[in-house]
Amino acid sequence: MGFDQLNLFEEVNEKTVEVAPIPDDSPLYKLQEMIEVRQPEPSLDPEDFHYISSFAGKKGTIKSVKILPNGKICYEVGFPNQTLGIFYEEDVKKYIE
């Protein structure tokens, strides 16, 4: 079993997956909805724990919603300081003033 080595100028075709829009009556968070990042679970792997900890307690606005091929839902969240973060659904909660 051999492997072919690509040179710097060869293109790699990546498979993209089109996702149907999320219906408006879905129980998921919606675009432009305000959320708050939850405190991370101590059982997370260290990299995820550190990433989520850096945003924990911050409030932001949902900029995009994606459903991954494994069925997990993730959100791109914009924060007031122009920072963006990407979180799984279980990492955020609805912001209540």
Protein backbone atom coordinates (compact mmCIF):
# COMPACT_ATOMS: atom_id res chain seq x y z
CA MET A 1 0.00 0.00 0.00
CA GLY A 2 1.71 3.18 -1.15
CA PHE A 3 1.00 6.84 -0.71
CA ASP A 4 1.43 9.54 -3.34
CA GLN A 5 3.10 12.71 -2.20
CA LEU A 6 1.54 15.96 -3.37
CA ASN A 7 3.71 18.82 -4.48
CA LEU A 8 2.96 22.39 -3.41
CA PHE A 9 1.09 23.18 -6.62
CA GLU A 10 -1.34 20.28 -6.74
CA GLU A 11 -4.87 20.99 -5.63
CA VAL A 12 -6.61 18.77 -3.13
CA ASN A 13 -10.35 18.40 -3.68
CA GLU A 14 -12.13 18.67 -0.37
CA LYS A 15 -15.63 17.36 0.01
CA THR A 16 -18.10 20.01 1.10
CA VAL A 17 -21.45 19.32 2.63
CA GLU A 18 -24.43 21.55 1.93
CA VAL A 19 -26.71 21.92 4.91
CA ALA A 20 -30.38 22.76 4.66
CA PRO A 21 -31.46 25.93 6.46
CA ILE A 22 -32.60 25.48 10.02
CA PRO A 23 -36.40 25.95 10.22
CA ASP A 24 -37.66 29.01 12.12
CA ASP A 25 -39.66 26.86 14.54
CA SER A 26 -36.57 24.89 15.55
CA PRO A 27 -35.69 24.91 19.27
CA LEU A 28 -32.12 25.94 18.43
CA TYR A 29 -30.68 29.39 19.02
CA LYS A 30 -31.28 31.65 16.05
CA LEU A 31 -29.18 34.14 14.11
CA GLN A 32 -28.68 37.47 15.89
CA GLU A 33 -29.84 35.95 19.20
CA MET A 34 -27.85 36.99 22.28
CA ILE A 35 -26.14 34.12 24.11
CA GLU A 36 -23.74 33.71 27.01
CA VAL A 37 -20.85 31.26 27.01
CA ARG A 38 -21.14 28.69 29.81
CA GLN A 39 -18.35 27.75 32.22
CA PRO A 40 -16.55 24.73 30.73
CA GLU A 41 -16.91 21.27 32.22
CA PRO A 42 -13.72 20.17 34.03
CA SER A 43 -13.90 16.85 32.15
CA LEU A 44 -13.18 18.53 28.77
CA ASP A 45 -9.82 17.95 27.17
CA PRO A 46 -7.34 20.69 28.19
CA GLU A 47 -7.35 22.51 24.83
CA ASP A 48 -11.17 22.82 24.74
CA PHE A 49 -11.27 23.75 28.44
CA HIS A 50 -8.77 26.58 27.93
CA TYR A 51 -10.57 27.87 24.80
CA ILE A 52 -14.01 27.94 26.40
CA SER A 53 -12.61 29.37 29.66
CA SER A 54 -11.29 32.37 27.74
CA PHE A 55 -14.88 33.22 26.69
CA ALA A 56 -16.81 31.95 29.75
CA GLY A 57 -19.40 34.42 31.03
CA LYS A 58 -19.11 36.66 27.97
CA LYS A 59 -22.17 37.69 26.02
CA GLY A 60 -22.30 37.69 22.23
CA THR A 61 -24.50 37.50 19.16
CA ILE A 62 -24.92 34.43 16.96
CA LYS A 63 -23.49 35.20 13.52
CA SER A 64 -23.87 31.75 11.90
CA VAL A 65 -25.17 28.28 12.68
CA LYS A 66 -23.70 25.07 11.25
CA ILE A 67 -24.72 21.45 11.54
CA LEU A 68 -21.63 19.27 11.30
CA PRO A 69 -21.65 15.90 9.49
CA ASN A 70 -21.71 14.16 12.90
CA GLY A 71 -24.96 16.01 13.73
CA LYS A 72 -23.43 18.39 16.29
CA ILE A 73 -24.55 22.00 16.08
CA CYS A 74 -22.03 24.80 16.34
CA TYR A 75 -22.38 28.55 16.45
CA GLU A 76 -20.09 31.34 15.34
CA VAL A 77 -20.53 34.06 17.96
CA GLY A 78 -19.51 37.70 17.66
CA PHE A 79 -18.52 39.61 20.79
CA PRO A 80 -18.58 43.38 21.42
CA ASN A 81 -14.78 43.67 21.10
CA GLN A 82 -14.99 42.35 17.49
CA THR A 83 -13.76 38.90 18.56
CA LEU A 84 -15.35 35.79 17.06
CA GLY A 85 -15.65 32.43 18.78
CA ILE A 86 -17.00 29.06 17.65
CA PHE A 87 -18.88 26.93 20.16
CA TYR A 88 -20.92 23.75 20.28
CA GLU A 89 -24.53 24.09 21.35
CA GLU A 90 -23.80 22.74 24.83
CA ASP A 91 -21.18 25.48 25.40
CA VAL A 92 -23.69 28.36 25.23
CA LYS A 93 -26.94 29.38 26.87
CA LYS A 94 -29.58 32.00 26.14
CA TYR A 95 -28.64 35.40 27.51
CA ILE A 96 -31.25 36.72 29.91
CA GLU A 97 -30.89 40.32 31.07
